[in-house]
N, C-alpha and C. Protein backbone atom coordinates (compact mmCIF):
# COMPACT_ATOMS: atom_id res chain seq x y z
N MET A 1 57.23 -138.25 150.56
CA MET A 1 55.85 -137.87 150.31
C MET A 1 55.52 -138.10 148.84
N THR A 2 54.37 -138.65 148.57
CA THR A 2 53.96 -138.91 147.19
C THR A 2 52.85 -137.94 146.79
N ASP A 3 52.50 -137.98 145.51
CA ASP A 3 51.43 -137.14 145.01
C ASP A 3 50.06 -137.77 145.22
N ASP A 4 50.00 -139.00 145.74
CA ASP A 4 48.72 -139.67 145.95
C ASP A 4 47.91 -138.90 146.99
N VAL A 5 46.61 -138.86 146.78
CA VAL A 5 45.72 -138.18 147.69
C VAL A 5 45.03 -139.23 148.55
N PHE A 6 45.16 -139.10 149.84
CA PHE A 6 44.48 -139.98 150.76
C PHE A 6 43.52 -139.11 151.56
N ALA A 7 42.27 -139.23 151.26
CA ALA A 7 41.29 -138.37 151.90
C ALA A 7 40.22 -139.21 152.56
N SER A 8 39.74 -138.72 153.68
CA SER A 8 38.67 -139.44 154.36
C SER A 8 37.31 -139.11 153.74
N SER A 9 37.24 -138.02 153.02
CA SER A 9 35.99 -137.61 152.37
C SER A 9 36.23 -137.49 150.87
N VAL A 10 35.84 -138.50 150.14
CA VAL A 10 35.96 -138.49 148.69
C VAL A 10 34.55 -138.36 148.13
N PHE A 11 34.40 -137.55 147.11
CA PHE A 11 33.12 -137.39 146.42
C PHE A 11 33.25 -137.98 145.03
N PHE A 12 32.14 -138.31 144.42
CA PHE A 12 32.14 -138.89 143.08
C PHE A 12 31.18 -138.10 142.21
N ARG A 13 31.64 -137.67 141.05
CA ARG A 13 30.79 -136.95 140.10
C ARG A 13 30.46 -137.91 138.97
N LEU A 14 29.17 -137.99 138.62
CA LEU A 14 28.70 -138.88 137.56
C LEU A 14 28.17 -138.05 136.40
N SER A 15 28.64 -138.37 135.21
CA SER A 15 28.06 -137.78 134.01
C SER A 15 27.75 -138.90 133.03
N VAL A 16 26.66 -138.74 132.29
CA VAL A 16 26.23 -139.73 131.30
C VAL A 16 25.99 -139.01 129.99
N ALA A 17 26.70 -139.43 128.95
CA ALA A 17 26.60 -138.82 127.62
C ALA A 17 26.79 -137.31 127.70
N GLY A 18 27.74 -136.88 128.53
CA GLY A 18 28.05 -135.46 128.66
C GLY A 18 27.12 -134.68 129.57
N SER A 19 26.09 -135.32 130.10
CA SER A 19 25.15 -134.66 131.00
C SER A 19 25.56 -134.92 132.45
N ASP A 20 25.84 -133.87 133.20
CA ASP A 20 26.29 -133.97 134.59
C ASP A 20 25.11 -134.31 135.49
N LEU A 21 25.19 -135.45 136.19
CA LEU A 21 24.13 -135.85 137.12
C LEU A 21 24.43 -135.45 138.55
N GLY A 22 25.57 -134.78 138.77
CA GLY A 22 25.89 -134.27 140.10
C GLY A 22 26.87 -135.13 140.87
N ALA A 23 27.08 -134.72 142.12
CA ALA A 23 28.05 -135.37 143.01
C ALA A 23 27.34 -136.39 143.90
N PHE A 24 28.04 -137.48 144.18
CA PHE A 24 27.54 -138.54 145.05
C PHE A 24 28.55 -138.75 146.17
N HIS A 25 28.08 -139.22 147.31
CA HIS A 25 28.96 -139.44 148.46
C HIS A 25 29.56 -140.84 148.48
N THR A 26 28.84 -141.81 147.91
CA THR A 26 29.39 -143.17 147.88
C THR A 26 29.29 -143.72 146.47
N CYS A 27 30.23 -144.61 146.17
CA CYS A 27 30.27 -145.31 144.89
C CYS A 27 30.71 -146.73 145.20
N ASP A 28 29.83 -147.69 144.94
CA ASP A 28 30.10 -149.08 145.28
C ASP A 28 29.91 -149.94 144.03
N GLY A 29 30.79 -150.91 143.83
CA GLY A 29 30.61 -151.85 142.74
C GLY A 29 31.57 -151.68 141.57
N LEU A 30 32.59 -150.85 141.71
CA LEU A 30 33.58 -150.73 140.65
C LEU A 30 34.39 -152.02 140.65
N GLY A 31 34.00 -152.96 139.81
CA GLY A 31 34.70 -154.24 139.82
C GLY A 31 34.31 -155.12 138.66
N ALA A 32 35.10 -156.17 138.48
CA ALA A 32 34.86 -157.13 137.41
C ALA A 32 35.36 -158.49 137.85
N GLN A 33 34.82 -159.51 137.21
CA GLN A 33 35.26 -160.88 137.48
C GLN A 33 35.44 -161.60 136.15
N MET A 34 36.59 -162.23 135.99
CA MET A 34 36.91 -162.98 134.78
C MET A 34 36.59 -164.45 134.99
N GLU A 35 35.78 -165.00 134.09
CA GLU A 35 35.55 -166.44 134.12
C GLU A 35 36.76 -167.13 133.50
N VAL A 36 37.08 -168.31 134.00
CA VAL A 36 38.24 -169.05 133.52
C VAL A 36 37.80 -170.45 133.10
N GLU A 37 38.21 -170.85 131.91
CA GLU A 37 37.96 -172.22 131.46
C GLU A 37 39.23 -173.03 131.65
N GLN A 38 39.07 -174.23 132.18
CA GLN A 38 40.23 -175.10 132.38
C GLN A 38 40.37 -176.03 131.19
N PHE A 39 41.61 -176.21 130.76
CA PHE A 39 41.90 -177.08 129.64
C PHE A 39 43.03 -178.02 130.06
N ALA A 40 42.72 -179.32 130.09
CA ALA A 40 43.73 -180.32 130.44
C ALA A 40 44.39 -180.81 129.16
N GLU A 41 45.66 -180.51 129.02
CA GLU A 41 46.42 -180.90 127.83
C GLU A 41 46.87 -182.35 127.97
N GLY A 42 46.63 -183.15 126.95
CA GLY A 42 47.03 -184.55 126.98
C GLY A 42 48.54 -184.69 127.12
N GLY A 43 48.98 -185.54 128.00
CA GLY A 43 50.40 -185.78 128.23
C GLY A 43 51.03 -184.80 129.21
N ASN A 44 50.33 -183.78 129.62
CA ASN A 44 50.83 -182.80 130.58
C ASN A 44 50.07 -183.01 131.89
N ASN A 45 50.74 -183.65 132.85
CA ASN A 45 50.11 -183.93 134.13
C ASN A 45 50.52 -182.94 135.21
N GLY A 46 51.33 -181.95 134.85
CA GLY A 46 51.85 -181.00 135.84
C GLY A 46 50.90 -179.85 136.15
N PHE A 47 50.05 -179.50 135.22
CA PHE A 47 49.12 -178.39 135.46
C PHE A 47 47.99 -178.44 134.43
N THR A 48 46.98 -177.67 134.70
CA THR A 48 45.85 -177.49 133.79
C THR A 48 45.88 -176.05 133.31
N TRP A 49 45.73 -175.85 132.00
CA TRP A 49 45.70 -174.49 131.46
C TRP A 49 44.49 -173.75 132.00
N GLN A 50 44.68 -172.51 132.40
CA GLN A 50 43.61 -171.63 132.86
C GLN A 50 43.42 -170.56 131.77
N LEU A 51 42.38 -170.69 130.97
CA LEU A 51 42.17 -169.79 129.84
C LEU A 51 41.09 -168.76 130.16
N PRO A 52 41.39 -167.48 129.96
CA PRO A 52 40.38 -166.44 130.24
C PRO A 52 39.19 -166.58 129.31
N SER A 53 38.01 -166.31 129.85
CA SER A 53 36.78 -166.43 129.08
C SER A 53 36.01 -165.12 129.19
N ARG A 54 34.78 -165.16 129.64
CA ARG A 54 33.94 -163.96 129.76
C ARG A 54 34.31 -163.14 130.97
N ILE A 55 34.02 -161.85 130.85
CA ILE A 55 34.18 -160.96 131.99
C ILE A 55 32.79 -160.48 132.41
N THR A 56 32.56 -160.42 133.70
CA THR A 56 31.31 -159.93 134.26
C THR A 56 31.61 -158.66 135.04
N TRP A 57 30.90 -157.59 134.71
CA TRP A 57 31.08 -156.31 135.39
C TRP A 57 30.02 -156.17 136.47
N SER A 58 30.44 -155.73 137.65
CA SER A 58 29.50 -155.51 138.76
C SER A 58 28.64 -154.29 138.48
N ASN A 59 27.41 -154.32 138.96
CA ASN A 59 26.57 -153.12 138.93
C ASN A 59 27.20 -152.08 139.85
N ILE A 60 27.04 -150.83 139.50
CA ILE A 60 27.57 -149.73 140.30
C ILE A 60 26.41 -149.05 141.00
N THR A 61 26.57 -148.82 142.30
CA THR A 61 25.55 -148.16 143.11
C THR A 61 26.15 -146.89 143.70
N MET A 62 25.46 -145.79 143.50
CA MET A 62 25.92 -144.50 144.02
C MET A 62 24.81 -143.91 144.89
N THR A 63 25.21 -143.32 146.01
CA THR A 63 24.24 -142.71 146.91
C THR A 63 24.68 -141.29 147.25
N ARG A 64 23.68 -140.49 147.64
CA ARG A 64 23.95 -139.10 148.05
C ARG A 64 22.74 -138.57 148.81
N PRO A 65 22.97 -137.53 149.61
CA PRO A 65 21.83 -136.83 150.19
C PRO A 65 21.04 -136.15 149.08
N VAL A 66 19.78 -135.95 149.28
CA VAL A 66 18.94 -135.28 148.30
C VAL A 66 19.45 -133.86 148.09
N THR A 67 19.64 -133.50 146.82
CA THR A 67 20.11 -132.16 146.45
C THR A 67 19.27 -131.68 145.26
N SER A 68 19.61 -130.52 144.77
CA SER A 68 18.92 -130.02 143.57
C SER A 68 19.25 -130.89 142.35
N ASP A 69 20.34 -131.67 142.41
CA ASP A 69 20.69 -132.58 141.32
C ASP A 69 19.87 -133.87 141.33
N SER A 70 19.12 -134.12 142.39
CA SER A 70 18.35 -135.36 142.50
C SER A 70 17.37 -135.53 141.35
N ALA A 71 16.80 -134.46 140.88
CA ALA A 71 15.85 -134.54 139.77
C ALA A 71 16.53 -135.04 138.50
N LYS A 72 17.83 -134.78 138.34
CA LYS A 72 18.55 -135.21 137.14
C LYS A 72 18.63 -136.73 137.06
N ALA A 73 18.88 -137.38 138.19
CA ALA A 73 18.97 -138.85 138.21
C ALA A 73 17.63 -139.48 137.85
N LEU A 74 16.55 -138.96 138.41
CA LEU A 74 15.22 -139.51 138.10
C LEU A 74 14.85 -139.21 136.66
N ALA A 75 15.22 -138.05 136.14
CA ALA A 75 14.92 -137.71 134.74
C ALA A 75 15.64 -138.68 133.80
N TRP A 76 16.89 -139.03 134.10
CA TRP A 76 17.63 -140.00 133.27
C TRP A 76 16.95 -141.36 133.33
N PHE A 77 16.56 -141.78 134.52
CA PHE A 77 15.88 -143.06 134.69
C PHE A 77 14.59 -143.08 133.87
N THR A 78 13.81 -142.02 133.94
CA THR A 78 12.55 -141.91 133.20
C THR A 78 12.80 -141.91 131.69
N GLU A 79 13.86 -141.24 131.27
CA GLU A 79 14.22 -141.21 129.85
C GLU A 79 14.49 -142.61 129.32
N VAL A 80 15.17 -143.43 130.11
CA VAL A 80 15.50 -144.79 129.69
C VAL A 80 14.25 -145.68 129.69
N ILE A 81 13.30 -145.40 130.56
CA ILE A 81 12.03 -146.15 130.54
C ILE A 81 11.33 -145.92 129.21
N GLU A 82 11.35 -144.69 128.74
CA GLU A 82 10.68 -144.35 127.48
C GLU A 82 11.45 -144.86 126.26
N ARG A 83 12.77 -144.85 126.35
CA ARG A 83 13.60 -145.33 125.24
C ARG A 83 14.90 -145.89 125.81
N ALA A 84 14.95 -147.21 125.90
CA ALA A 84 16.12 -147.87 126.48
C ALA A 84 17.32 -147.73 125.54
N GLU A 85 18.22 -146.86 125.90
CA GLU A 85 19.41 -146.63 125.10
C GLU A 85 20.62 -146.56 126.02
N ARG A 86 21.58 -147.43 125.75
CA ARG A 86 22.81 -147.41 126.54
C ARG A 86 23.68 -146.24 126.10
N LYS A 87 24.29 -145.58 127.09
CA LYS A 87 25.16 -144.44 126.81
C LYS A 87 26.43 -144.59 127.62
N ASP A 88 27.50 -144.00 127.14
CA ASP A 88 28.75 -144.00 127.88
C ASP A 88 28.74 -142.85 128.89
N GLY A 89 29.52 -143.01 129.94
CA GLY A 89 29.59 -141.98 130.96
C GLY A 89 30.94 -141.96 131.64
N GLU A 90 31.00 -141.20 132.71
CA GLU A 90 32.26 -141.06 133.44
C GLU A 90 31.97 -140.87 134.92
N ILE A 91 32.77 -141.54 135.75
CA ILE A 91 32.77 -141.32 137.19
C ILE A 91 34.11 -140.71 137.54
N VAL A 92 34.09 -139.60 138.26
CA VAL A 92 35.32 -138.93 138.68
C VAL A 92 35.34 -138.91 140.20
N ALA A 93 36.42 -139.46 140.79
CA ALA A 93 36.61 -139.37 142.24
C ALA A 93 37.26 -138.02 142.52
N LEU A 94 36.67 -137.29 143.47
CA LEU A 94 37.14 -135.94 143.79
C LEU A 94 37.60 -135.85 145.24
N ALA A 95 38.70 -135.15 145.46
CA ALA A 95 39.19 -134.86 146.80
C ALA A 95 38.25 -133.84 147.45
N PRO A 96 38.36 -133.64 148.77
CA PRO A 96 37.48 -132.66 149.43
C PRO A 96 37.55 -131.26 148.82
N ASP A 97 38.68 -130.89 148.24
CA ASP A 97 38.77 -129.57 147.59
C ASP A 97 38.29 -129.62 146.14
N LEU A 98 37.67 -130.75 145.74
CA LEU A 98 37.07 -130.99 144.42
C LEU A 98 38.07 -131.15 143.29
N THR A 99 39.34 -131.40 143.61
CA THR A 99 40.30 -131.72 142.55
C THR A 99 40.16 -133.20 142.20
N PRO A 100 40.21 -133.55 140.91
CA PRO A 100 40.05 -134.94 140.49
C PRO A 100 41.20 -135.83 141.00
N ILE A 101 40.84 -137.00 141.48
CA ILE A 101 41.83 -137.99 141.93
C ILE A 101 42.03 -139.03 140.82
N VAL A 102 40.92 -139.59 140.32
CA VAL A 102 40.97 -140.60 139.26
C VAL A 102 39.65 -140.54 138.50
N ARG A 103 39.71 -140.95 137.22
CA ARG A 103 38.52 -140.97 136.36
C ARG A 103 38.33 -142.37 135.81
N TRP A 104 37.07 -142.79 135.71
CA TRP A 104 36.73 -144.05 135.06
C TRP A 104 35.73 -143.77 133.96
N GLN A 105 36.02 -144.23 132.76
CA GLN A 105 35.05 -144.20 131.68
C GLN A 105 34.17 -145.43 131.86
N VAL A 106 32.87 -145.24 131.84
CA VAL A 106 31.92 -146.33 132.03
C VAL A 106 31.17 -146.51 130.71
N LEU A 107 31.29 -147.70 130.15
CA LEU A 107 30.75 -147.96 128.82
C LEU A 107 29.37 -148.59 128.89
N GLY A 108 28.47 -148.14 128.05
CA GLY A 108 27.15 -148.75 127.92
C GLY A 108 26.34 -148.74 129.19
N ILE A 109 26.18 -147.58 129.80
CA ILE A 109 25.44 -147.47 131.07
C ILE A 109 23.94 -147.53 130.81
N ILE A 110 23.25 -148.23 131.72
CA ILE A 110 21.79 -148.20 131.72
C ILE A 110 21.33 -148.28 133.18
N PRO A 111 20.50 -147.35 133.61
CA PRO A 111 20.06 -147.39 135.02
C PRO A 111 19.12 -148.56 135.24
N ILE A 112 19.28 -149.22 136.39
CA ILE A 112 18.40 -150.36 136.68
C ILE A 112 17.61 -150.17 137.97
N ARG A 113 18.03 -149.18 138.80
CA ARG A 113 17.27 -148.95 140.04
C ARG A 113 17.53 -147.53 140.53
N TRP A 114 16.46 -146.85 140.87
CA TRP A 114 16.55 -145.57 141.54
C TRP A 114 15.69 -145.66 142.78
N GLN A 115 16.25 -145.32 143.91
CA GLN A 115 15.51 -145.36 145.17
C GLN A 115 15.52 -143.95 145.75
N GLY A 116 14.33 -143.38 145.83
CA GLY A 116 14.21 -142.04 146.39
C GLY A 116 14.31 -142.06 147.90
N PRO A 117 14.36 -140.89 148.48
CA PRO A 117 14.53 -140.80 149.94
C PRO A 117 13.24 -141.14 150.69
N SER A 118 13.43 -141.53 151.94
CA SER A 118 12.31 -141.71 152.85
C SER A 118 12.27 -140.47 153.75
N PHE A 119 11.12 -139.87 153.84
CA PHE A 119 10.97 -138.69 154.68
C PHE A 119 10.17 -139.06 155.92
N ASP A 120 10.81 -138.99 157.06
CA ASP A 120 10.16 -139.31 158.32
C ASP A 120 10.54 -138.21 159.32
N PRO A 121 9.61 -137.34 159.65
CA PRO A 121 9.95 -136.23 160.55
C PRO A 121 10.35 -136.69 161.95
N SER A 122 10.01 -137.92 162.34
CA SER A 122 10.41 -138.39 163.66
C SER A 122 11.86 -138.86 163.69
N GLN A 123 12.48 -139.00 162.52
CA GLN A 123 13.88 -139.42 162.42
C GLN A 123 14.73 -138.20 162.07
N SER A 124 15.90 -138.12 162.61
CA SER A 124 16.78 -136.99 162.31
C SER A 124 17.88 -137.42 161.33
N GLN A 125 17.50 -138.24 160.36
CA GLN A 125 18.45 -138.72 159.37
C GLN A 125 18.35 -137.90 158.09
N VAL A 126 19.47 -137.83 157.38
CA VAL A 126 19.51 -137.13 156.11
C VAL A 126 18.73 -137.93 155.07
N ALA A 127 17.96 -137.26 154.24
CA ALA A 127 17.23 -137.92 153.16
C ALA A 127 18.24 -138.31 152.07
N VAL A 128 18.28 -139.59 151.73
CA VAL A 128 19.29 -140.13 150.82
C VAL A 128 18.61 -140.78 149.62
N GLU A 129 19.21 -140.61 148.44
CA GLU A 129 18.74 -141.31 147.24
C GLU A 129 19.84 -142.26 146.77
N THR A 130 19.43 -143.32 146.08
CA THR A 130 20.36 -144.33 145.56
C THR A 130 20.09 -144.54 144.08
N LEU A 131 21.17 -144.60 143.30
CA LEU A 131 21.08 -144.86 141.88
C LEU A 131 21.97 -146.06 141.58
N GLU A 132 21.39 -147.09 140.95
CA GLU A 132 22.16 -148.28 140.57
C GLU A 132 22.07 -148.44 139.06
N PHE A 133 23.21 -148.75 138.44
CA PHE A 133 23.20 -148.94 137.00
C PHE A 133 24.11 -150.09 136.60
N ALA A 134 23.72 -150.73 135.49
CA ALA A 134 24.54 -151.79 134.87
C ALA A 134 25.37 -151.14 133.78
N HIS A 135 26.42 -151.82 133.35
CA HIS A 135 27.27 -151.27 132.31
C HIS A 135 28.00 -152.38 131.59
N GLU A 136 28.69 -152.03 130.51
CA GLU A 136 29.38 -153.01 129.68
C GLU A 136 30.89 -152.96 129.86
N GLY A 137 31.39 -152.17 130.78
CA GLY A 137 32.82 -152.14 131.01
C GLY A 137 33.32 -150.82 131.55
N LEU A 138 34.53 -150.87 132.12
CA LEU A 138 35.20 -149.70 132.70
C LEU A 138 36.55 -149.53 132.05
N GLN A 139 36.98 -148.29 131.92
CA GLN A 139 38.33 -147.95 131.49
C GLN A 139 38.83 -146.82 132.34
N ALA A 140 40.04 -146.96 132.88
CA ALA A 140 40.65 -145.85 133.63
C ALA A 140 41.15 -144.83 132.63
N SER A 141 41.00 -143.56 132.98
CA SER A 141 41.48 -142.53 132.06
C SER A 141 42.26 -141.47 132.80
């Protein structure tokens, strides 16, 4: 048995510049892609050098049912509209008992999309909000 936590229900807590924006049920887009430049060395016909170049970070999208924390996400989005300032933040994956599993430091966050819930009384679906943000990099902590 290992200390790794394998849970079917993982939650994600987002904070930006020390301000807690609450828990989210999904977190998508934790990823990066490295561009590679090829360099063919004269006299070397066996291979081409693969040299790392730029890194591209995926946008991160987080969703959750509407809660009392929903106003915090929209307030942050509105704050950035008034003054576009990148801030560092943190995403923490939490087990169902709310113990931390892993933490990611997110550098230079700026929100790029907030989608509020759709309210339709004829549907029996949970009202969900979505927050998408761009960033300048991730670090595991």
